[in-house]
Amino acid sequence: MLIEKILWSIALPGFGQILNRKYVKGLLFIGLEFVVNLKSHLNDLIIWSFQGDTWRAIQATNDQWLMFYPCLYMFAIWDAYRDAAKGCKPYAYLPCIGAAYFATLGVVYSSKWQFHGVAPGPVWLPIGFCLIGIAAGGLLRTIILRIGKVAK
């Protein structure tokens, strides 16, 4: 049941909250997702990025709106997990925070970074940075928990 709610929240922010019977919060996340998606042109960016037309995606990006998306997305996933788990493991939020932070950095630098003349663009660079953020948050969580055990 927990995994189902997380996966639905990954599919669309707010769905996990609705499954958790947090209807107002779920509808708020869905509404925010649609607003940010429309204002940032995210669906077009995804299409062009998957088609390999990253320069077109870079030019069409509304960075001011797209920078909000990673935090909204990762917080909705975290919130669905927290409500479904009814209490979390210590520092379990750190991978989500790391993912939101690093994915936002990916958005910021998506129009600047190139690898051998190829720009990953406003979709692929944030996704790659998101994975790095999950790993960094998980590593930080592990370090904090180990320091806590040593201190006891």
N, C-alpha and C. Protein backbone atom coordinates (compact mmCIF):
# COMPACT_ATOMS: atom_id res chain seq x y z
N MET A 1 0.82 -1.19 0.00
CA MET A 1 0.00 0.00 0.00
C MET A 1 0.86 1.26 0.00
N LEU A 2 1.95 1.24 0.77
CA LEU A 2 2.86 2.38 0.83
C LEU A 2 3.48 2.64 -0.55
N ILE A 3 3.99 1.61 -1.18
CA ILE A 3 4.62 1.76 -2.50
C ILE A 3 3.61 2.28 -3.52
N GLU A 4 2.39 1.80 -3.45
CA GLU A 4 1.35 2.26 -4.38
C GLU A 4 1.15 3.77 -4.27
N LYS A 5 1.12 4.28 -3.07
CA LYS A 5 0.90 5.72 -2.86
C LYS A 5 2.09 6.54 -3.34
N ILE A 6 3.29 6.02 -3.12
CA ILE A 6 4.48 6.71 -3.61
C ILE A 6 4.49 6.72 -5.14
N LEU A 7 4.19 5.59 -5.76
CA LEU A 7 4.19 5.52 -7.22
C LEU A 7 3.11 6.41 -7.84
N TRP A 8 1.94 6.48 -7.24
CA TRP A 8 0.91 7.39 -7.75
C TRP A 8 1.33 8.84 -7.59
N SER A 9 2.04 9.14 -6.52
CA SER A 9 2.53 10.51 -6.32
C SER A 9 3.62 10.84 -7.34
N ILE A 10 4.42 9.85 -7.71
CA ILE A 10 5.41 10.05 -8.77
C ILE A 10 4.70 10.30 -10.10
N ALA A 11 3.62 9.58 -10.35
CA ALA A 11 2.87 9.76 -11.60
C ALA A 11 2.29 11.16 -11.70
N LEU A 12 1.70 11.66 -10.62
CA LEU A 12 1.16 13.02 -10.61
C LEU A 12 1.10 13.48 -9.16
N PRO A 13 1.81 14.56 -8.84
CA PRO A 13 1.74 15.07 -7.47
C PRO A 13 0.29 15.32 -7.05
N GLY A 14 -0.06 14.79 -5.90
CA GLY A 14 -1.42 14.93 -5.37
C GLY A 14 -2.18 13.62 -5.35
N PHE A 15 -1.86 12.71 -6.26
CA PHE A 15 -2.57 11.43 -6.28
C PHE A 15 -2.29 10.62 -5.02
N GLY A 16 -1.05 10.64 -4.53
CA GLY A 16 -0.72 9.93 -3.29
C GLY A 16 -1.50 10.48 -2.11
N GLN A 17 -1.67 11.80 -2.08
CA GLN A 17 -2.43 12.42 -0.99
C GLN A 17 -3.90 12.01 -1.06
N ILE A 18 -4.45 11.96 -2.25
CA ILE A 18 -5.85 11.53 -2.39
C ILE A 18 -6.02 10.09 -1.93
N LEU A 19 -5.06 9.22 -2.27
CA LEU A 19 -5.11 7.84 -1.77
C LEU A 19 -4.98 7.78 -0.26
N ASN A 20 -4.29 8.75 0.31
CA ASN A 20 -4.16 8.83 1.77
C ASN A 20 -5.35 9.52 2.42
N ARG A 21 -6.35 9.86 1.61
CA ARG A 21 -7.58 10.53 2.06
C ARG A 21 -7.32 11.95 2.58
N LYS A 22 -6.31 12.57 2.06
CA LYS A 22 -6.00 13.98 2.34
C LYS A 22 -6.43 14.76 1.10
N TYR A 23 -7.74 14.90 0.93
CA TYR A 23 -8.31 15.39 -0.32
C TYR A 23 -7.95 16.85 -0.62
N VAL A 24 -8.01 17.70 0.36
CA VAL A 24 -7.71 19.13 0.12
C VAL A 24 -6.25 19.27 -0.29
N LYS A 25 -5.37 18.61 0.45
CA LYS A 25 -3.94 18.66 0.13
C LYS A 25 -3.69 18.06 -1.25
N GLY A 26 -4.34 16.96 -1.56
CA GLY A 26 -4.18 16.32 -2.87
C GLY A 26 -4.62 17.23 -4.00
N LEU A 27 -5.77 17.85 -3.85
CA LEU A 27 -6.26 18.75 -4.90
C LEU A 27 -5.37 19.99 -5.02
N LEU A 28 -4.82 20.44 -3.91
CA LEU A 28 -3.89 21.57 -3.95
C LEU A 28 -2.64 21.20 -4.73
N PHE A 29 -2.07 20.03 -4.47
CA PHE A 29 -0.89 19.58 -5.22
C PHE A 29 -1.19 19.41 -6.70
N ILE A 30 -2.34 18.83 -7.02
CA ILE A 30 -2.72 18.66 -8.42
C ILE A 30 -2.86 20.02 -9.10
N GLY A 31 -3.52 20.95 -8.43
CA GLY A 31 -3.68 22.29 -8.98
C GLY A 31 -2.35 22.99 -9.19
N LEU A 32 -1.47 22.91 -8.18
CA LEU A 32 -0.15 23.52 -8.32
C LEU A 32 0.65 22.88 -9.45
N GLU A 33 0.54 21.57 -9.56
CA GLU A 33 1.26 20.87 -10.62
C GLU A 33 0.80 21.36 -11.98
N PHE A 34 -0.50 21.51 -12.19
CA PHE A 34 -1.00 21.97 -13.47
C PHE A 34 -0.58 23.40 -13.76
N VAL A 35 -0.61 24.27 -12.77
CA VAL A 35 -0.21 25.66 -12.97
C VAL A 35 1.27 25.74 -13.35
N VAL A 36 2.12 25.09 -12.56
CA VAL A 36 3.56 25.13 -12.83
C VAL A 36 3.86 24.47 -14.17
N ASN A 37 3.19 23.37 -14.47
CA ASN A 37 3.38 22.66 -15.73
C ASN A 37 3.04 23.57 -16.91
N LEU A 38 1.91 24.24 -16.85
CA LEU A 38 1.50 25.13 -17.94
C LEU A 38 2.42 26.34 -18.07
N LYS A 39 2.72 26.98 -16.96
CA LYS A 39 3.53 28.20 -16.99
C LYS A 39 4.97 27.93 -17.43
N SER A 40 5.51 26.77 -17.08
CA SER A 40 6.89 26.45 -17.45
C SER A 40 7.00 25.79 -18.82
N HIS A 41 5.85 25.41 -19.41
CA HIS A 41 5.80 24.70 -20.70
C HIS A 41 6.40 23.30 -20.58
N LEU A 42 6.25 22.69 -19.41
CA LEU A 42 6.93 21.43 -19.11
C LEU A 42 6.58 20.31 -20.09
N ASN A 43 5.32 20.17 -20.47
CA ASN A 43 4.97 19.08 -21.39
C ASN A 43 5.68 19.24 -22.73
N ASP A 44 5.76 20.47 -23.25
CA ASP A 44 6.50 20.70 -24.49
C ASP A 44 7.98 20.39 -24.31
N LEU A 45 8.52 20.80 -23.18
CA LEU A 45 9.95 20.55 -22.91
C LEU A 45 10.24 19.05 -22.88
N ILE A 46 9.34 18.29 -22.28
CA ILE A 46 9.52 16.84 -22.21
C ILE A 46 9.47 16.24 -23.61
N ILE A 47 8.49 16.65 -24.41
CA ILE A 47 8.37 16.12 -25.77
C ILE A 47 9.63 16.43 -26.58
N TRP A 48 10.04 17.70 -26.58
CA TRP A 48 11.22 18.08 -27.37
C TRP A 48 12.48 17.40 -26.86
N SER A 49 12.61 17.23 -25.54
CA SER A 49 13.78 16.57 -24.99
C SER A 49 13.83 15.10 -25.39
N PHE A 50 12.70 14.43 -25.33
CA PHE A 50 12.65 13.02 -25.74
C PHE A 50 12.92 12.87 -27.24
N GLN A 51 12.58 13.89 -28.01
CA GLN A 51 12.84 13.85 -29.46
C GLN A 51 14.25 14.30 -29.80
N GLY A 52 15.03 14.69 -28.81
CA GLY A 52 16.40 15.11 -29.03
C GLY A 52 16.56 16.56 -29.42
N ASP A 53 15.51 17.34 -29.38
CA ASP A 53 15.56 18.76 -29.74
C ASP A 53 15.72 19.61 -28.48
N THR A 54 16.86 19.42 -27.80
CA THR A 54 17.05 20.10 -26.52
C THR A 54 17.22 21.60 -26.68
N TRP A 55 17.76 22.05 -27.80
CA TRP A 55 17.91 23.50 -27.99
C TRP A 55 16.55 24.18 -28.07
N ARG A 56 15.61 23.53 -28.71
CA ARG A 56 14.24 24.08 -28.76
C ARG A 56 13.64 24.10 -27.35
N ALA A 57 13.89 23.04 -26.59
CA ALA A 57 13.39 22.97 -25.22
C ALA A 57 14.01 24.07 -24.36
N ILE A 58 15.31 24.29 -24.53
CA ILE A 58 16.00 25.34 -23.75
C ILE A 58 15.39 26.70 -24.05
N GLN A 59 15.14 26.97 -25.33
CA GLN A 59 14.60 28.28 -25.72
C GLN A 59 13.18 28.49 -25.21
N ALA A 60 12.40 27.42 -25.10
CA ALA A 60 11.00 27.55 -24.69
C ALA A 60 10.81 27.53 -23.18
N THR A 61 11.87 27.21 -22.44
CA THR A 61 11.76 27.07 -20.98
C THR A 61 11.48 28.40 -20.30
N ASN A 62 10.51 28.38 -19.39
CA ASN A 62 10.31 29.50 -18.49
C ASN A 62 10.96 29.09 -17.17
N ASP A 63 12.23 29.48 -17.02
CA ASP A 63 13.02 29.05 -15.86
C ASP A 63 12.40 29.45 -14.53
N GLN A 64 11.76 30.61 -14.48
CA GLN A 64 11.19 31.08 -13.23
C GLN A 64 10.12 30.12 -12.71
N TRP A 65 9.36 29.54 -13.58
CA TRP A 65 8.33 28.58 -13.17
C TRP A 65 8.91 27.17 -13.03
N LEU A 66 9.81 26.80 -13.93
CA LEU A 66 10.35 25.43 -13.90
C LEU A 66 11.18 25.18 -12.65
N MET A 67 11.83 26.21 -12.11
CA MET A 67 12.62 26.02 -10.90
C MET A 67 11.76 25.62 -9.71
N PHE A 68 10.49 25.94 -9.73
CA PHE A 68 9.58 25.58 -8.65
C PHE A 68 9.19 24.10 -8.70
N TYR A 69 9.24 23.50 -9.89
CA TYR A 69 8.71 22.16 -10.08
C TYR A 69 9.43 21.07 -9.27
N PRO A 70 10.78 21.01 -9.24
CA PRO A 70 11.42 19.93 -8.48
C PRO A 70 11.03 19.90 -7.00
N CYS A 71 10.92 21.08 -6.39
CA CYS A 71 10.54 21.13 -4.97
C CYS A 71 9.10 20.67 -4.77
N LEU A 72 8.21 21.13 -5.63
CA LEU A 72 6.82 20.71 -5.56
C LEU A 72 6.71 19.19 -5.73
N TYR A 73 7.38 18.69 -6.74
CA TYR A 73 7.32 17.26 -7.08
C TYR A 73 7.86 16.40 -5.94
N MET A 74 9.05 16.73 -5.45
CA MET A 74 9.66 15.91 -4.41
C MET A 74 8.93 16.05 -3.07
N PHE A 75 8.41 17.25 -2.78
CA PHE A 75 7.66 17.39 -1.53
C PHE A 75 6.37 16.59 -1.58
N ALA A 76 5.70 16.55 -2.72
CA ALA A 76 4.47 15.76 -2.83
C ALA A 76 4.76 14.27 -2.63
N ILE A 77 5.87 13.80 -3.17
CA ILE A 77 6.25 12.39 -2.98
C ILE A 77 6.55 12.14 -1.49
N TRP A 78 7.34 13.02 -0.90
CA TRP A 78 7.68 12.87 0.52
C TRP A 78 6.43 12.90 1.39
N ASP A 79 5.55 13.83 1.12
CA ASP A 79 4.34 13.98 1.92
C ASP A 79 3.44 12.74 1.81
N ALA A 80 3.31 12.20 0.62
CA ALA A 80 2.51 10.98 0.44
C ALA A 80 3.13 9.81 1.22
N TYR A 81 4.45 9.71 1.17
CA TYR A 81 5.15 8.66 1.90
C TYR A 81 4.95 8.84 3.41
N ARG A 82 5.15 10.06 3.88
CA ARG A 82 5.04 10.33 5.33
C ARG A 82 3.65 10.01 5.86
N ASP A 83 2.62 10.42 5.12
CA ASP A 83 1.26 10.15 5.56
C ASP A 83 0.93 8.66 5.50
N ALA A 84 1.41 7.98 4.47
CA ALA A 84 1.12 6.55 4.33
C ALA A 84 1.87 5.72 5.36
N ALA A 85 3.10 6.12 5.68
CA ALA A 85 3.92 5.36 6.62
C ALA A 85 3.51 5.59 8.07
N LYS A 86 2.77 6.67 8.32
CA LYS A 86 2.33 7.01 9.68
C LYS A 86 3.50 7.01 10.66
N GLY A 87 4.47 7.81 10.34
CA GLY A 87 5.70 7.88 11.12
C GLY A 87 6.84 7.38 10.25
N CYS A 88 7.92 8.06 10.29
CA CYS A 88 9.01 7.75 9.36
C CYS A 88 10.27 7.39 10.12
N LYS A 89 11.17 6.79 9.39
CA LYS A 89 12.49 6.51 9.93
C LYS A 89 13.22 7.85 10.09
N PRO A 90 14.14 7.92 11.02
CA PRO A 90 14.86 9.18 11.23
C PRO A 90 15.58 9.65 9.96
N TYR A 91 15.43 10.90 9.67
CA TYR A 91 16.08 11.57 8.56
C TYR A 91 15.73 10.97 7.19
N ALA A 92 14.59 10.32 7.09
CA ALA A 92 14.18 9.71 5.83
C ALA A 92 13.86 10.76 4.76
N TYR A 93 13.69 11.98 5.17
CA TYR A 93 13.39 13.07 4.24
C TYR A 93 14.61 13.55 3.46
N LEU A 94 15.81 13.24 3.91
CA LEU A 94 17.01 13.80 3.30
C LEU A 94 17.18 13.44 1.82
N PRO A 95 16.89 12.22 1.38
CA PRO A 95 16.99 11.97 -0.07
C PRO A 95 16.04 12.83 -0.90
N CYS A 96 14.84 13.09 -0.40
CA CYS A 96 13.90 13.95 -1.13
C CYS A 96 14.37 15.39 -1.16
N ILE A 97 14.92 15.86 -0.05
CA ILE A 97 15.45 17.22 -0.02
C ILE A 97 16.64 17.34 -0.97
N GLY A 98 17.52 16.34 -0.94
CA GLY A 98 18.67 16.34 -1.84
C GLY A 98 18.23 16.34 -3.30
N ALA A 99 17.22 15.53 -3.61
CA ALA A 99 16.72 15.46 -4.98
C ALA A 99 16.13 16.80 -5.42
N ALA A 100 15.35 17.43 -4.56
CA ALA A 100 14.74 18.72 -4.90
C ALA A 100 15.82 19.78 -5.11
N TYR A 101 16.80 19.82 -4.23
CA TYR A 101 17.86 20.81 -4.33
C TYR A 101 18.68 20.62 -5.60
N PHE A 102 19.15 19.40 -5.82
CA PHE A 102 20.01 19.15 -6.98
C PHE A 102 19.24 19.26 -8.30
N ALA A 103 17.99 18.84 -8.33
CA ALA A 103 17.20 18.99 -9.56
C ALA A 103 16.97 20.46 -9.88
N THR A 104 16.78 21.28 -8.85
CA THR A 104 16.63 22.72 -9.08
C THR A 104 17.94 23.29 -9.63
N LEU A 105 19.07 22.84 -9.12
CA LEU A 105 20.35 23.26 -9.71
C LEU A 105 20.44 22.83 -11.17
N GLY A 106 19.93 21.64 -11.46
CA GLY A 106 19.90 21.18 -12.84
C GLY A 106 19.10 22.10 -13.74
N VAL A 107 17.99 22.59 -13.23
CA VAL A 107 17.18 23.55 -14.00
C VAL A 107 17.97 24.84 -14.23
N VAL A 108 18.61 25.33 -13.17
CA VAL A 108 19.35 26.59 -13.25
C VAL A 108 20.45 26.50 -14.30
N TYR A 109 21.16 25.39 -14.34
CA TYR A 109 22.30 25.26 -15.25
C TYR A 109 21.96 24.56 -16.57
N SER A 110 20.71 24.23 -16.79
CA SER A 110 20.34 23.45 -17.97
C SER A 110 20.62 24.17 -19.29
N SER A 111 20.59 25.47 -19.31
CA SER A 111 20.87 26.18 -20.55
C SER A 111 22.35 26.50 -20.72
N LYS A 112 23.15 26.26 -19.68
CA LYS A 112 24.57 26.62 -19.71
C LYS A 112 25.49 25.43 -19.99
N TRP A 113 25.12 24.26 -19.51
CA TRP A 113 26.01 23.11 -19.58
C TRP A 113 25.92 22.43 -20.93
N GLN A 114 27.08 22.07 -21.44
CA GLN A 114 27.17 21.30 -22.66
C GLN A 114 28.24 20.23 -22.48
N PHE A 115 28.00 19.08 -23.05
CA PHE A 115 28.96 18.00 -23.03
C PHE A 115 29.31 17.67 -24.48
N HIS A 116 30.50 18.05 -24.89
CA HIS A 116 30.95 17.84 -26.28
C HIS A 116 29.96 18.44 -27.28
N GLY A 117 29.51 19.65 -26.97
CA GLY A 117 28.61 20.37 -27.87
C GLY A 117 27.14 19.98 -27.76
N VAL A 118 26.83 19.05 -26.88
CA VAL A 118 25.44 18.60 -26.70
C VAL A 118 24.95 19.07 -25.33
N ALA A 119 23.83 19.76 -25.33
CA ALA A 119 23.24 20.23 -24.08
C ALA A 119 22.18 19.24 -23.62
N PRO A 120 22.24 18.79 -22.37
CA PRO A 120 21.21 17.87 -21.88
C PRO A 120 19.85 18.54 -21.76
N GLY A 121 19.83 19.86 -21.57
CA GLY A 121 18.57 20.59 -21.57
C GLY A 121 17.82 20.60 -20.26
N PRO A 122 16.62 21.22 -20.28
CA PRO A 122 15.87 21.46 -19.06
C PRO A 122 15.11 20.26 -18.51
N VAL A 123 15.20 19.11 -19.16
CA VAL A 123 14.58 17.90 -18.64
C VAL A 123 15.64 16.91 -18.18
N TRP A 124 16.61 16.60 -19.05
CA TRP A 124 17.58 15.55 -18.73
C TRP A 124 18.57 15.96 -17.65
N LEU A 125 19.05 17.20 -17.67
CA LEU A 125 20.01 17.62 -16.63
C LEU A 125 19.36 17.61 -15.24
N PRO A 126 18.15 18.17 -15.06
CA PRO A 126 17.53 18.07 -13.74
C PRO A 126 17.26 16.62 -13.30
N ILE A 127 16.89 15.75 -14.24
CA ILE A 127 16.68 14.34 -13.86
C ILE A 127 17.99 13.72 -13.39
N GLY A 128 19.06 13.97 -14.13
CA GLY A 128 20.36 13.45 -13.71
C GLY A 128 20.79 14.00 -12.37
N PHE A 129 20.60 15.30 -12.17
CA PHE A 129 20.94 15.92 -10.89
C PHE A 129 20.04 15.40 -9.78
N CYS A 130 18.80 15.09 -10.09
CA CYS A 130 17.87 14.54 -9.10
C CYS A 130 18.41 13.21 -8.56
N LEU A 131 18.91 12.37 -9.45
CA LEU A 131 19.48 11.09 -9.02
C LEU A 131 20.70 11.31 -8.13
N ILE A 132 21.53 12.29 -8.49
CA ILE A 132 22.68 12.62 -7.65
C ILE A 132 22.20 13.11 -6.28
N GLY A 133 21.15 13.91 -6.26
CA GLY A 133 20.60 14.42 -5.01
C GLY A 133 20.04 13.32 -4.12
N ILE A 134 19.37 12.34 -4.73
CA ILE A 134 18.87 11.20 -3.94
C ILE A 134 20.03 10.47 -3.29
N ALA A 135 21.08 10.23 -4.08
CA ALA A 135 22.26 9.53 -3.55
C ALA A 135 22.94 10.36 -2.46
N ALA A 136 23.09 11.67 -2.69
CA ALA A 136 23.73 12.54 -1.69
C ALA A 136 22.91 12.59 -0.40
N GLY A 137 21.59 12.70 -0.53
CA GLY A 137 20.72 12.71 0.64
C GLY A 137 20.76 11.40 1.39
N GLY A 138 20.78 10.30 0.66
CA GLY A 138 20.89 8.98 1.30
C GLY A 138 22.22 8.81 2.02
N LEU A 139 23.30 9.29 1.39
CA LEU A 139 24.61 9.22 2.02
C LEU A 139 24.66 10.09 3.28
N LEU A 140 24.13 11.29 3.19
CA LEU A 140 24.08 12.17 4.36
C LEU A 140 23.28 11.54 5.49
N ARG A 141 22.16 10.92 5.15
CA ARG A 141 21.34 10.24 6.16
C ARG A 141 22.13 9.13 6.84
N THR A 142 22.84 8.33 6.05
CA THR A 142 23.64 7.24 6.59
C THR A 142 24.73 7.77 7.52
N ILE A 143 25.40 8.84 7.11
CA ILE A 143 26.45 9.43 7.94
C ILE A 143 25.88 9.94 9.26
N ILE A 144 24.77 10.65 9.20
CA ILE A 144 24.15 11.19 10.42
C ILE A 144 23.74 10.05 11.36
N LEU A 145 23.15 9.00 10.81
CA LEU A 145 22.73 7.88 11.65
C LEU A 145 23.93 7.17 12.29
N ARG A 146 25.00 7.03 11.54
CA ARG A 146 26.21 6.37 12.08
C ARG A 146 26.86 7.24 13.15
N ILE A 147 26.91 8.55 12.93
CA ILE A 147 27.47 9.45 13.95
C ILE A 147 26.63 9.36 15.22
N GLY A 148 25.31 9.28 15.05
CA GLY A 148 24.41 9.14 16.21
C GLY A 148 24.67 7.86 16.98
N LYS A 149 24.96 6.76 16.29
CA LYS A 149 25.25 5.49 16.97
C LYS A 149 26.58 5.57 17.71
N VAL A 150 27.57 6.22 17.09
CA VAL A 150 28.88 6.35 17.73
C VAL A 150 28.78 7.22 18.97
N ALA A 151 27.97 8.28 18.89
CA ALA A 151 27.85 9.20 20.02
C ALA A 151 27.16 8.56 21.22
N LYS A 152 26.37 7.53 21.00
CA LYS A 152 25.64 6.89 22.11
C LYS A 152 26.55 6.02 22.86
